Amino acid sequence: MKTIDLHTHTLFSDGELVVSELLRRAEIAGYGIIGITDHADSSNLDFIVPRVARACRTLNQINAIKAVPGIEITYAPVDLIEELVKEARELGAGLVVVHGESPVEPVAPGTNRAGIEARCDILAHPGLISEEEVALAAQRGVALEISGRKGHSFTNGHVASLALKHNAPLVICSDAHSPGDLMTPQFVRMVALGAGLGEEDLKRAVDTSREIAERWEGL
């Protein structure tokens, strides 16, 4: 089973690689689909999205691995998140992630709810997300991330248990910033089982990732 990972970073934010190299290294690691989701707020959103979208369209005509252009709305004030999600889509993002309330970063309270209410595609590393917010994510079809990244992964079990209780969609992502962060299919399985998911839950998470990726017409 090829890895589908919809949360990675390049030199457009704090990643180490240009898009082409990230795709090549991901393909060698066993990826089938990758999302490019660099950090952004109102200062750089309009710079990153069109350039990544152009790179993905060009590379998808050549490479076996397929890339989806996205963005991660990061540390934006809660009141601006809905507007930024909308703007990202208008600029050509096929995938919008909101940087959730990770247990290891001082993200503003209310960010999880704002991302869900804005109907982002993925709420990344949502930390100790409330049960009410998970239920809302289920209603709105917002996927909650099970993270393969150290620190962010501390609350994976909490996120998984509430998501299963409320039938909220889950995805498993690396939040890769460097080549060493990319996940092999075996590592994806370990992250899923470590969070308390079963084999069928893992399959559903992969299917959810594929469905999100296929929303972009350029795939």
N, C-alpha and C. Protein backbone atom coordinates (compact mmCIF):
# COMPACT_ATOMS: atom_id res chain seq x y z
N MET A 1 0.84 -1.20 0.00
CA MET A 1 0.00 0.00 0.00
C MET A 1 0.88 1.25 0.00
N LYS A 2 0.69 2.10 -1.00
CA LYS A 2 1.47 3.33 -1.09
C LYS A 2 1.03 4.32 -0.01
N THR A 3 1.98 5.06 0.53
CA THR A 3 1.67 6.08 1.52
C THR A 3 0.98 7.28 0.87
N ILE A 4 -0.06 7.77 1.52
CA ILE A 4 -0.69 9.04 1.15
C ILE A 4 -0.52 9.97 2.34
N ASP A 5 0.25 11.01 2.15
CA ASP A 5 0.64 11.92 3.24
C ASP A 5 0.32 13.34 2.79
N LEU A 6 -0.63 13.97 3.46
CA LEU A 6 -1.14 15.27 3.01
C LEU A 6 -0.64 16.44 3.85
N HIS A 7 0.47 16.27 4.55
CA HIS A 7 0.99 17.37 5.38
C HIS A 7 2.51 17.33 5.37
N THR A 8 3.11 18.12 4.48
CA THR A 8 4.57 18.21 4.38
C THR A 8 4.98 19.65 4.08
N HIS A 9 6.28 19.92 4.27
CA HIS A 9 6.79 21.27 4.12
C HIS A 9 8.03 21.31 3.22
N THR A 10 8.20 22.42 2.53
CA THR A 10 9.34 22.64 1.64
C THR A 10 10.06 23.92 2.05
N LEU A 11 10.98 24.35 1.19
CA LEU A 11 11.70 25.61 1.43
C LEU A 11 10.80 26.84 1.38
N PHE A 12 9.57 26.67 0.91
CA PHE A 12 8.65 27.80 0.94
C PHE A 12 8.29 28.20 2.37
N SER A 13 8.53 27.31 3.34
CA SER A 13 8.40 27.70 4.75
C SER A 13 9.62 27.16 5.51
N ASP A 14 9.42 26.22 6.40
CA ASP A 14 10.55 25.76 7.22
C ASP A 14 10.99 24.34 6.90
N GLY A 15 10.65 23.86 5.71
CA GLY A 15 11.16 22.58 5.26
C GLY A 15 12.55 22.73 4.68
N GLU A 16 13.18 21.60 4.36
CA GLU A 16 14.57 21.60 3.90
C GLU A 16 14.73 21.47 2.39
N LEU A 17 13.67 21.04 1.68
CA LEU A 17 13.83 20.67 0.28
C LEU A 17 12.94 21.50 -0.65
N VAL A 18 13.37 21.63 -1.90
CA VAL A 18 12.48 22.18 -2.92
C VAL A 18 11.45 21.11 -3.26
N VAL A 19 10.40 21.51 -3.95
CA VAL A 19 9.29 20.60 -4.22
C VAL A 19 9.76 19.35 -4.98
N SER A 20 10.55 19.53 -6.02
CA SER A 20 10.99 18.39 -6.83
C SER A 20 11.75 17.36 -6.02
N GLU A 21 12.65 17.82 -5.15
CA GLU A 21 13.41 16.86 -4.35
C GLU A 21 12.54 16.16 -3.32
N LEU A 22 11.62 16.91 -2.73
CA LEU A 22 10.72 16.29 -1.76
C LEU A 22 9.93 15.17 -2.43
N LEU A 23 9.42 15.43 -3.63
CA LEU A 23 8.66 14.40 -4.34
C LEU A 23 9.51 13.18 -4.66
N ARG A 24 10.73 13.41 -5.10
CA ARG A 24 11.60 12.28 -5.43
C ARG A 24 11.91 11.45 -4.19
N ARG A 25 12.24 12.09 -3.10
CA ARG A 25 12.56 11.35 -1.88
C ARG A 25 11.32 10.62 -1.35
N ALA A 26 10.15 11.27 -1.47
CA ALA A 26 8.92 10.63 -1.01
C ALA A 26 8.58 9.41 -1.86
N GLU A 27 8.79 9.52 -3.16
CA GLU A 27 8.53 8.38 -4.03
C GLU A 27 9.40 7.18 -3.65
N ILE A 28 10.66 7.45 -3.37
CA ILE A 28 11.58 6.38 -2.97
C ILE A 28 11.15 5.76 -1.63
N ALA A 29 10.54 6.58 -0.76
CA ALA A 29 10.09 6.11 0.55
C ALA A 29 8.79 5.31 0.47
N GLY A 30 8.18 5.25 -0.72
CA GLY A 30 6.97 4.46 -0.87
C GLY A 30 5.69 5.26 -0.95
N TYR A 31 5.80 6.55 -1.27
CA TYR A 31 4.62 7.41 -1.37
C TYR A 31 3.94 7.27 -2.73
N GLY A 32 2.62 7.38 -2.71
CA GLY A 32 1.86 7.47 -3.95
C GLY A 32 1.32 8.87 -4.18
N ILE A 33 0.91 9.53 -3.09
CA ILE A 33 0.35 10.89 -3.15
C ILE A 33 0.92 11.68 -1.98
N ILE A 34 1.29 12.93 -2.26
CA ILE A 34 1.83 13.81 -1.22
C ILE A 34 1.18 15.18 -1.31
N GLY A 35 0.87 15.75 -0.16
CA GLY A 35 0.36 17.12 -0.10
C GLY A 35 1.47 18.06 0.33
N ILE A 36 1.62 19.17 -0.39
CA ILE A 36 2.61 20.20 -0.06
C ILE A 36 1.88 21.31 0.68
N THR A 37 2.15 21.44 1.97
CA THR A 37 1.33 22.33 2.82
C THR A 37 2.22 23.22 3.68
N ASP A 38 2.87 24.17 3.05
CA ASP A 38 3.76 25.04 3.79
C ASP A 38 3.00 26.01 4.69
N HIS A 39 3.70 26.48 5.73
CA HIS A 39 3.11 27.39 6.71
C HIS A 39 2.81 28.75 6.07
N ALA A 40 1.64 29.28 6.40
CA ALA A 40 1.28 30.59 5.85
C ALA A 40 0.31 31.32 6.75
N ASP A 41 0.33 32.64 6.59
CA ASP A 41 -0.71 33.51 7.14
C ASP A 41 -0.99 34.56 6.07
N SER A 42 -1.53 35.69 6.44
CA SER A 42 -1.87 36.69 5.43
C SER A 42 -0.65 37.33 4.78
N SER A 43 0.54 37.11 5.35
CA SER A 43 1.74 37.74 4.81
C SER A 43 2.31 37.03 3.60
N ASN A 44 2.05 35.73 3.48
CA ASN A 44 2.70 34.96 2.40
C ASN A 44 1.80 34.00 1.66
N LEU A 45 0.53 33.96 2.01
CA LEU A 45 -0.41 33.04 1.38
C LEU A 45 -0.43 33.19 -0.14
N ASP A 46 -0.52 34.44 -0.59
CA ASP A 46 -0.63 34.68 -2.04
C ASP A 46 0.68 34.45 -2.77
N PHE A 47 1.78 34.36 -2.04
CA PHE A 47 3.07 34.05 -2.67
C PHE A 47 3.25 32.54 -2.84
N ILE A 48 2.91 31.78 -1.80
CA ILE A 48 3.19 30.34 -1.81
C ILE A 48 2.24 29.55 -2.70
N VAL A 49 0.94 29.74 -2.52
CA VAL A 49 -0.03 28.84 -3.15
C VAL A 49 0.10 28.77 -4.67
N PRO A 50 0.13 29.90 -5.38
CA PRO A 50 0.21 29.78 -6.84
C PRO A 50 1.49 29.10 -7.32
N ARG A 51 2.59 29.32 -6.63
CA ARG A 51 3.86 28.72 -7.06
C ARG A 51 3.88 27.21 -6.81
N VAL A 52 3.37 26.79 -5.68
CA VAL A 52 3.32 25.36 -5.41
C VAL A 52 2.33 24.69 -6.36
N ALA A 53 1.20 25.35 -6.63
CA ALA A 53 0.22 24.78 -7.56
C ALA A 53 0.82 24.60 -8.95
N ARG A 54 1.59 25.57 -9.40
CA ARG A 54 2.24 25.45 -10.72
C ARG A 54 3.23 24.30 -10.73
N ALA A 55 4.02 24.17 -9.67
CA ALA A 55 5.00 23.08 -9.60
C ALA A 55 4.29 21.72 -9.60
N CYS A 56 3.22 21.60 -8.84
CA CYS A 56 2.51 20.32 -8.77
C CYS A 56 1.91 19.94 -10.12
N ARG A 57 1.31 20.90 -10.80
CA ARG A 57 0.73 20.60 -12.12
C ARG A 57 1.80 20.12 -13.09
N THR A 58 2.93 20.78 -13.08
CA THR A 58 4.02 20.41 -14.00
C THR A 58 4.58 19.04 -13.65
N LEU A 59 4.87 18.81 -12.39
CA LEU A 59 5.49 17.56 -11.97
C LEU A 59 4.54 16.36 -12.10
N ASN A 60 3.24 16.60 -11.92
CA ASN A 60 2.28 15.51 -12.04
C ASN A 60 2.18 14.97 -13.46
N GLN A 61 2.62 15.76 -14.44
CA GLN A 61 2.62 15.29 -15.82
C GLN A 61 3.78 14.35 -16.10
N ILE A 62 4.75 14.33 -15.19
CA ILE A 62 6.00 13.59 -15.41
C ILE A 62 6.17 12.45 -14.41
N ASN A 63 5.91 12.72 -13.15
CA ASN A 63 6.22 11.78 -12.07
C ASN A 63 5.14 10.73 -11.86
N ALA A 64 5.54 9.58 -11.35
CA ALA A 64 4.57 8.57 -10.93
C ALA A 64 3.88 9.01 -9.63
N ILE A 65 4.65 9.57 -8.69
CA ILE A 65 4.05 10.13 -7.47
C ILE A 65 3.28 11.38 -7.85
N LYS A 66 2.13 11.57 -7.20
CA LYS A 66 1.29 12.72 -7.50
C LYS A 66 1.29 13.68 -6.31
N ALA A 67 1.30 14.97 -6.61
CA ALA A 67 1.38 16.00 -5.57
C ALA A 67 0.15 16.89 -5.60
N VAL A 68 -0.31 17.26 -4.43
CA VAL A 68 -1.45 18.16 -4.28
C VAL A 68 -0.95 19.46 -3.65
N PRO A 69 -1.21 20.61 -4.28
CA PRO A 69 -0.77 21.88 -3.70
C PRO A 69 -1.69 22.30 -2.56
N GLY A 70 -1.09 22.59 -1.43
CA GLY A 70 -1.90 22.99 -0.30
C GLY A 70 -1.23 24.09 0.50
N ILE A 71 -1.71 24.28 1.70
CA ILE A 71 -1.17 25.30 2.59
C ILE A 71 -1.57 24.92 4.02
N GLU A 72 -0.76 25.31 4.97
CA GLU A 72 -1.12 25.14 6.38
C GLU A 72 -1.26 26.52 7.01
N ILE A 73 -2.49 26.91 7.30
CA ILE A 73 -2.74 28.17 7.98
C ILE A 73 -2.21 28.04 9.40
N THR A 74 -1.22 28.89 9.73
CA THR A 74 -0.43 28.66 10.94
C THR A 74 -0.40 29.89 11.85
N TYR A 75 -0.85 29.70 13.08
CA TYR A 75 -0.82 30.76 14.10
C TYR A 75 -1.59 32.01 13.66
N ALA A 76 -2.50 31.87 12.74
CA ALA A 76 -3.32 33.03 12.35
C ALA A 76 -4.29 33.35 13.48
N PRO A 77 -4.58 34.62 13.69
CA PRO A 77 -5.60 34.96 14.68
C PRO A 77 -6.91 34.22 14.39
N VAL A 78 -7.56 33.78 15.43
CA VAL A 78 -8.76 32.96 15.27
C VAL A 78 -9.78 33.63 14.36
N ASP A 79 -9.96 34.93 14.50
CA ASP A 79 -10.98 35.64 13.71
C ASP A 79 -10.64 35.71 12.22
N LEU A 80 -9.41 35.40 11.84
CA LEU A 80 -9.01 35.48 10.43
C LEU A 80 -8.98 34.13 9.73
N ILE A 81 -9.14 33.05 10.47
CA ILE A 81 -8.95 31.72 9.89
C ILE A 81 -9.93 31.43 8.77
N GLU A 82 -11.19 31.72 8.97
CA GLU A 82 -12.19 31.44 7.92
C GLU A 82 -11.85 32.20 6.63
N GLU A 83 -11.48 33.45 6.76
CA GLU A 83 -11.13 34.26 5.60
C GLU A 83 -9.90 33.70 4.88
N LEU A 84 -8.90 33.24 5.64
CA LEU A 84 -7.69 32.72 5.03
C LEU A 84 -7.93 31.37 4.35
N VAL A 85 -8.77 30.54 4.93
CA VAL A 85 -9.12 29.27 4.28
C VAL A 85 -9.79 29.54 2.94
N LYS A 86 -10.71 30.47 2.92
CA LYS A 86 -11.39 30.83 1.67
C LYS A 86 -10.41 31.38 0.65
N GLU A 87 -9.52 32.28 1.08
CA GLU A 87 -8.56 32.87 0.16
C GLU A 87 -7.62 31.81 -0.41
N ALA A 88 -7.19 30.87 0.43
CA ALA A 88 -6.29 29.82 -0.05
C ALA A 88 -6.93 29.02 -1.17
N ARG A 89 -8.20 28.68 -1.02
CA ARG A 89 -8.89 27.94 -2.07
C ARG A 89 -9.00 28.77 -3.35
N GLU A 90 -9.28 30.06 -3.20
CA GLU A 90 -9.41 30.93 -4.36
C GLU A 90 -8.08 31.07 -5.10
N LEU A 91 -6.97 30.97 -4.37
CA LEU A 91 -5.64 31.08 -4.98
C LEU A 91 -5.19 29.79 -5.66
N GLY A 92 -5.93 28.70 -5.45
CA GLY A 92 -5.60 27.45 -6.12
C GLY A 92 -5.16 26.32 -5.23
N ALA A 93 -5.31 26.46 -3.91
CA ALA A 93 -4.95 25.36 -3.01
C ALA A 93 -5.94 24.22 -3.18
N GLY A 94 -5.42 23.03 -3.40
CA GLY A 94 -6.27 21.86 -3.48
C GLY A 94 -6.49 21.23 -2.13
N LEU A 95 -5.84 21.76 -1.12
CA LEU A 95 -5.84 21.17 0.21
C LEU A 95 -5.52 22.27 1.21
N VAL A 96 -6.39 22.46 2.20
CA VAL A 96 -6.14 23.47 3.23
C VAL A 96 -6.10 22.80 4.60
N VAL A 97 -4.95 22.96 5.24
CA VAL A 97 -4.73 22.45 6.60
C VAL A 97 -4.72 23.64 7.54
N VAL A 98 -5.28 23.47 8.72
CA VAL A 98 -5.15 24.48 9.78
C VAL A 98 -4.29 23.88 10.89
N HIS A 99 -3.29 24.63 11.30
CA HIS A 99 -2.37 24.23 12.38
C HIS A 99 -3.13 24.25 13.69
N GLY A 100 -3.45 23.06 14.19
CA GLY A 100 -4.27 22.95 15.39
C GLY A 100 -3.52 23.22 16.67
N GLU A 101 -4.22 23.01 17.78
CA GLU A 101 -3.72 23.36 19.11
C GLU A 101 -2.83 22.25 19.66
N SER A 102 -1.69 22.08 19.02
CA SER A 102 -0.71 21.06 19.41
C SER A 102 -0.37 21.17 20.89
N PRO A 103 -0.09 20.02 21.54
CA PRO A 103 0.27 20.06 22.96
C PRO A 103 1.64 20.67 23.23
N VAL A 104 2.44 20.90 22.18
CA VAL A 104 3.81 21.38 22.39
C VAL A 104 4.05 22.77 21.80
N GLU A 105 2.98 23.48 21.44
CA GLU A 105 3.13 24.83 20.91
C GLU A 105 2.04 25.74 21.47
N PRO A 106 2.33 27.05 21.57
CA PRO A 106 1.36 27.98 22.17
C PRO A 106 0.34 28.52 21.18
N VAL A 107 -0.35 27.62 20.51
CA VAL A 107 -1.38 28.02 19.55
C VAL A 107 -2.56 28.63 20.31
N ALA A 108 -3.15 29.67 19.75
CA ALA A 108 -4.23 30.38 20.44
C ALA A 108 -5.42 29.47 20.68
N PRO A 109 -5.97 29.49 21.89
CA PRO A 109 -7.21 28.75 22.15
C PRO A 109 -8.31 29.20 21.19
N GLY A 110 -9.09 28.25 20.74
CA GLY A 110 -10.15 28.56 19.78
C GLY A 110 -9.76 28.26 18.35
N THR A 111 -8.46 27.97 18.12
CA THR A 111 -8.00 27.69 16.76
C THR A 111 -8.63 26.41 16.22
N ASN A 112 -8.72 25.36 17.04
CA ASN A 112 -9.33 24.12 16.57
C ASN A 112 -10.75 24.35 16.07
N ARG A 113 -11.54 25.02 16.89
CA ARG A 113 -12.93 25.26 16.50
C ARG A 113 -13.01 26.13 15.25
N ALA A 114 -12.18 27.16 15.18
CA ALA A 114 -12.22 28.06 14.03
C ALA A 114 -11.88 27.31 12.74
N GLY A 115 -10.89 26.41 12.80
CA GLY A 115 -10.54 25.63 11.62
C GLY A 115 -11.67 24.72 11.18
N ILE A 116 -12.32 24.10 12.16
CA ILE A 116 -13.45 23.22 11.84
C ILE A 116 -14.60 24.02 11.27
N GLU A 117 -14.93 25.14 11.89
CA GLU A 117 -16.04 25.97 11.40
C GLU A 117 -15.76 26.52 10.01
N ALA A 118 -14.48 26.73 9.68
CA ALA A 118 -14.11 27.21 8.35
C ALA A 118 -14.10 26.09 7.32
N ARG A 119 -14.33 24.87 7.77
CA ARG A 119 -14.36 23.69 6.89
C ARG A 119 -13.03 23.50 6.17
N CYS A 120 -11.93 23.60 6.92
CA CYS A 120 -10.65 23.23 6.35
C CYS A 120 -10.71 21.74 6.02
N ASP A 121 -9.76 21.27 5.23
CA ASP A 121 -9.75 19.84 4.90
C ASP A 121 -9.21 19.00 6.05
N ILE A 122 -8.14 19.49 6.69
CA ILE A 122 -7.49 18.76 7.76
C ILE A 122 -7.17 19.71 8.91
N LEU A 123 -7.54 19.31 10.12
CA LEU A 123 -7.09 20.01 11.31
C LEU A 123 -5.88 19.25 11.84
N ALA A 124 -4.71 19.86 11.70
CA ALA A 124 -3.46 19.18 12.05
C ALA A 124 -3.24 19.16 13.56
N HIS A 125 -2.66 18.05 14.02
CA HIS A 125 -2.26 17.87 15.43
C HIS A 125 -3.11 18.70 16.39
N PRO A 126 -4.38 18.33 16.56
CA PRO A 126 -5.31 19.16 17.34
C PRO A 126 -5.18 19.03 18.85
N GLY A 127 -4.18 18.30 19.32
CA GLY A 127 -3.92 18.27 20.76
C GLY A 127 -5.08 17.71 21.57
N LEU A 128 -5.35 18.34 22.71
CA LEU A 128 -6.44 17.89 23.58
C LEU A 128 -7.76 18.49 23.12
N ILE A 129 -8.10 18.22 21.89
CA ILE A 129 -9.33 18.71 21.30
C ILE A 129 -10.53 18.24 22.12
N SER A 130 -11.54 19.09 22.23
CA SER A 130 -12.69 18.75 23.05
C SER A 130 -13.61 17.78 22.31
N GLU A 131 -14.41 17.06 23.08
CA GLU A 131 -15.36 16.12 22.48
C GLU A 131 -16.37 16.86 21.60
N GLU A 132 -16.79 18.02 22.04
CA GLU A 132 -17.74 18.83 21.25
C GLU A 132 -17.13 19.20 19.90
N GLU A 133 -15.86 19.56 19.89
CA GLU A 133 -15.19 19.92 18.64
C GLU A 133 -15.03 18.72 17.72
N VAL A 134 -14.75 17.57 18.28
CA VAL A 134 -14.65 16.36 17.46
C VAL A 134 -16.00 16.04 16.82
N ALA A 135 -17.07 16.16 17.58
CA ALA A 135 -18.41 15.93 17.03
C ALA A 135 -18.71 16.92 15.91
N LEU A 136 -18.27 18.16 16.08
CA LEU A 136 -18.48 19.17 15.03
C LEU A 136 -17.65 18.83 13.79
N ALA A 137 -16.44 18.34 13.99
CA ALA A 137 -15.62 17.91 12.85
C ALA A 137 -16.30 16.80 12.07
N ALA A 138 -16.92 15.88 12.79
CA ALA A 138 -17.64 14.80 12.13
C ALA A 138 -18.79 15.35 11.29
N GLN A 139 -19.51 16.32 11.84
CA GLN A 139 -20.63 16.92 11.12
C GLN A 139 -20.17 17.67 9.88
N ARG A 140 -19.04 18.33 9.98
CA ARG A 140 -18.57 19.20 8.88
C ARG A 140 -17.63 18.47 7.91
N GLY A 141 -17.30 17.24 8.21
CA GLY A 141 -16.42 16.49 7.33
C GLY A 141 -14.98 16.94 7.36
N VAL A 142 -14.54 17.49 8.48
CA VAL A 142 -13.15 17.93 8.64
C VAL A 142 -12.34 16.78 9.22
N ALA A 143 -11.27 16.40 8.54
CA ALA A 143 -10.44 15.29 9.00
C ALA A 143 -9.50 15.75 10.11
N LEU A 144 -9.36 14.92 11.13
CA LEU A 144 -8.45 15.18 12.24
C LEU A 144 -7.18 14.38 12.00
N GLU A 145 -6.05 15.02 12.28
CA GLU A 145 -4.77 14.40 11.98
C GLU A 145 -4.24 13.55 13.13
N ILE A 146 -3.82 12.33 12.79
CA ILE A 146 -2.96 11.53 13.65
C ILE A 146 -1.56 11.80 13.14
N SER A 147 -0.72 12.37 13.99
CA SER A 147 0.56 12.90 13.55
C SER A 147 1.72 11.94 13.77
N GLY A 148 2.56 11.85 12.77
CA GLY A 148 3.78 11.07 12.91
C GLY A 148 4.95 11.87 13.44
N ARG A 149 4.71 13.15 13.75
CA ARG A 149 5.80 14.03 14.17
C ARG A 149 5.94 14.05 15.70
N LYS A 150 7.17 14.01 16.16
CA LYS A 150 7.42 14.01 17.60
C LYS A 150 6.81 15.25 18.24
N GLY A 151 6.36 15.12 19.44
CA GLY A 151 5.71 16.23 20.14
C GLY A 151 4.25 16.33 19.76
N HIS A 152 3.99 16.63 18.52
CA HIS A 152 2.60 16.70 18.05
C HIS A 152 1.87 15.38 18.27
N SER A 153 2.62 14.30 18.27
CA SER A 153 2.02 12.97 18.36
C SER A 153 1.62 12.58 19.79
N PHE A 154 1.96 13.40 20.78
CA PHE A 154 1.70 13.04 22.18
C PHE A 154 0.22 12.76 22.44
N THR A 155 -0.66 13.46 21.72
CA THR A 155 -2.10 13.32 21.99
C THR A 155 -2.82 12.51 20.91
N ASN A 156 -2.09 11.74 20.13
CA ASN A 156 -2.72 10.93 19.08
C ASN A 156 -3.80 10.00 19.63
N GLY A 157 -3.52 9.38 20.78
CA GLY A 157 -4.49 8.45 21.35
C GLY A 157 -5.79 9.14 21.72
N HIS A 158 -5.67 10.33 22.29
CA HIS A 158 -6.85 11.12 22.65
C HIS A 158 -7.67 11.47 21.41
N VAL A 159 -6.99 11.94 20.38
CA VAL A 159 -7.67 12.33 19.13
C VAL A 159 -8.35 11.10 18.51
N ALA A 160 -7.63 10.00 18.45
CA ALA A 160 -8.17 8.80 17.82
C ALA A 160 -9.40 8.27 18.56
N SER A 161 -9.33 8.23 19.88
CA SER A 161 -10.45 7.66 20.64
C SER A 161 -11.72 8.48 20.47
N LEU A 162 -11.61 9.80 20.50
CA LEU A 162 -12.79 10.64 20.31
C LEU A 162 -13.28 10.59 18.87
N ALA A 163 -12.36 10.52 17.93
CA ALA A 163 -12.77 10.43 16.53
C ALA A 163 -13.54 9.14 16.27
N LEU A 164 -13.08 8.04 16.82
CA LEU A 164 -13.79 6.78 16.65
C LEU A 164 -15.16 6.83 17.32
N LYS A 165 -15.24 7.47 18.47
CA LYS A 165 -16.52 7.57 19.19
C LYS A 165 -17.55 8.34 18.38
N HIS A 166 -17.11 9.41 17.70
CA HIS A 166 -18.04 10.28 17.00
C HIS A 166 -18.01 10.10 15.47
N ASN A 167 -17.28 9.10 15.02
CA ASN A 167 -17.17 8.82 13.59
C ASN A 167 -16.64 10.01 12.80
N ALA A 168 -15.67 10.70 13.39
CA ALA A 168 -15.01 11.81 12.69
C ALA A 168 -13.92 11.25 11.79
N PRO A 169 -13.74 11.82 10.61
CA PRO A 169 -12.70 11.31 9.71
C PRO A 169 -11.30 11.56 10.26
N LEU A 170 -10.41 10.61 10.01
CA LEU A 170 -9.02 10.71 10.43
C LEU A 170 -8.10 10.58 9.23
N VAL A 171 -6.96 11.23 9.31
CA VAL A 171 -5.86 11.03 8.36
C VAL A 171 -4.58 10.86 9.17
N ILE A 172 -3.61 10.19 8.57
CA ILE A 172 -2.31 9.99 9.22
C ILE A 172 -1.27 10.70 8.37
N CYS A 173 -0.59 11.69 8.96
CA CYS A 173 0.33 12.53 8.21
C CYS A 173 1.66 12.67 8.95
N SER A 174 2.70 12.96 8.19
CA SER A 174 4.04 13.05 8.77
C SER A 174 4.37 14.42 9.33
N ASP A 175 3.77 15.49 8.77
CA ASP A 175 4.21 16.85 9.06
C ASP A 175 5.71 16.96 8.77
N ALA A 176 6.13 16.37 7.66
CA ALA A 176 7.56 16.29 7.34
C ALA A 176 8.16 17.65 7.04
N HIS A 177 9.32 17.89 7.64
CA HIS A 177 10.11 19.08 7.36
C HIS A 177 11.46 18.73 6.73
N SER A 178 11.84 17.47 6.85
CA SER A 178 13.11 17.00 6.31
C SER A 178 12.92 15.59 5.76
N PRO A 179 13.86 15.09 4.95
CA PRO A 179 13.71 13.75 4.38
C PRO A 179 13.50 12.67 5.41
N GLY A 180 14.16 12.81 6.55
CA GLY A 180 14.04 11.80 7.59
C GLY A 180 12.67 11.72 8.23
N ASP A 181 11.84 12.72 7.99
CA ASP A 181 10.49 12.72 8.56
C ASP A 181 9.49 11.94 7.72
N LEU A 182 9.84 11.63 6.47
CA LEU A 182 8.91 10.94 5.59
C LEU A 182 8.59 9.55 6.14
N MET A 183 7.36 9.12 5.97
CA MET A 183 6.90 7.88 6.59
C MET A 183 6.83 6.74 5.58
N THR A 184 7.47 5.63 5.87
CA THR A 184 7.27 4.44 5.08
C THR A 184 5.89 3.86 5.39
N PRO A 185 5.36 2.99 4.53
CA PRO A 185 4.07 2.35 4.85
C PRO A 185 4.10 1.63 6.19
N GLN A 186 5.24 1.04 6.54
CA GLN A 186 5.35 0.34 7.82
C GLN A 186 5.25 1.31 9.00
N PHE A 187 5.85 2.50 8.83
CA PHE A 187 5.80 3.48 9.91
C PHE A 187 4.38 4.04 10.06
N VAL A 188 3.70 4.24 8.94
CA VAL A 188 2.31 4.70 9.00
C VAL A 188 1.47 3.72 9.83
N ARG A 189 1.66 2.45 9.57
CA ARG A 189 0.91 1.43 10.30
C ARG A 189 1.24 1.48 11.79
N MET A 190 2.51 1.66 12.13
CA MET A 190 2.91 1.73 13.52
C MET A 190 2.28 2.93 14.23
N VAL A 191 2.27 4.08 13.55
CA VAL A 191 1.65 5.28 14.13
C VAL A 191 0.16 5.04 14.38
N ALA A 192 -0.50 4.41 13.40
CA ALA A 192 -1.93 4.14 13.54
C ALA A 192 -2.21 3.19 14.71
N LEU A 193 -1.51 2.08 14.75
CA LEU A 193 -1.74 1.12 15.82
C LEU A 193 -1.34 1.69 17.17
N GLY A 194 -0.30 2.50 17.20
CA GLY A 194 0.13 3.13 18.45
C GLY A 194 -0.88 4.11 18.99
N ALA A 195 -1.69 4.68 18.10
CA ALA A 195 -2.74 5.62 18.52
C ALA A 195 -4.01 4.90 18.96
N GLY A 196 -4.02 3.57 18.81
CA GLY A 196 -5.19 2.80 19.22
C GLY A 196 -6.13 2.47 18.08
N LEU A 197 -5.71 2.72 16.85
CA LEU A 197 -6.54 2.37 15.70
C LEU A 197 -6.35 0.91 15.34
N GLY A 198 -7.37 0.31 14.75
CA GLY A 198 -7.27 -1.04 14.23
C GLY A 198 -6.96 -1.02 12.75
N GLU A 199 -6.83 -2.20 12.17
CA GLU A 199 -6.49 -2.30 10.76
C GLU A 199 -7.57 -1.67 9.88
N GLU A 200 -8.83 -1.86 10.22
CA GLU A 200 -9.91 -1.26 9.43
C GLU A 200 -9.93 0.26 9.58
N ASP A 201 -9.60 0.74 10.78
CA ASP A 201 -9.51 2.19 10.99
C ASP A 201 -8.39 2.78 10.13
N LEU A 202 -7.27 2.07 10.05
CA LEU A 202 -6.16 2.51 9.22
C LEU A 202 -6.59 2.58 7.76
N LYS A 203 -7.28 1.58 7.30
CA LYS A 203 -7.76 1.58 5.91
C LYS A 203 -8.68 2.77 5.65
N ARG A 204 -9.58 3.05 6.59
CA ARG A 204 -10.48 4.19 6.42
C ARG A 204 -9.71 5.50 6.38
N ALA A 205 -8.66 5.61 7.21
CA ALA A 205 -7.85 6.84 7.22
C ALA A 205 -7.15 7.03 5.87
N VAL A 206 -6.64 5.94 5.30
CA VAL A 206 -6.01 6.03 3.99
C VAL A 206 -7.04 6.42 2.93
N ASP A 207 -8.22 5.83 3.01
CA ASP A 207 -9.29 6.17 2.06
C ASP A 207 -9.69 7.63 2.19
N THR A 208 -9.73 8.14 3.43
CA THR A 208 -10.06 9.55 3.64
C THR A 208 -9.01 10.44 3.01
N SER A 209 -7.73 10.10 3.20
CA SER A 209 -6.65 10.88 2.59
C SER A 209 -6.78 10.89 1.08
N ARG A 210 -7.08 9.74 0.50
CA ARG A 210 -7.23 9.66 -0.95
C ARG A 210 -8.40 10.53 -1.43
N GLU A 211 -9.50 10.47 -0.69
CA GLU A 211 -10.67 11.26 -1.08
C GLU A 211 -10.38 12.75 -1.02
N ILE A 212 -9.65 13.20 0.00
CA ILE A 212 -9.28 14.60 0.11
C ILE A 212 -8.39 15.00 -1.06
N ALA A 213 -7.39 14.18 -1.35
CA ALA A 213 -6.46 14.48 -2.44
C ALA A 213 -7.19 14.57 -3.78
N GLU A 214 -8.14 13.70 -3.99
CA GLU A 214 -8.83 13.65 -5.28
C GLU A 214 -9.84 14.76 -5.47
N ARG A 215 -10.04 15.59 -4.45
CA ARG A 215 -10.88 16.78 -4.64
C ARG A 215 -10.20 17.79 -5.56
N TRP A 216 -8.87 17.72 -5.61
CA TRP A 216 -8.14 18.68 -6.48
C TRP A 216 -8.17 18.18 -7.91
N GLU A 217 -8.68 19.01 -8.80
CA GLU A 217 -8.86 18.60 -10.19
C GLU A 217 -7.53 18.37 -10.91
N GLY A 218 -6.43 18.84 -10.35
CA GLY A 218 -5.15 18.66 -11.00
C GLY A 218 -4.48 17.33 -10.71
N LEU A 219 -5.10 16.50 -9.87
CA LEU A 219 -4.48 15.23 -9.53
C LEU A 219 -4.63 14.25 -10.69
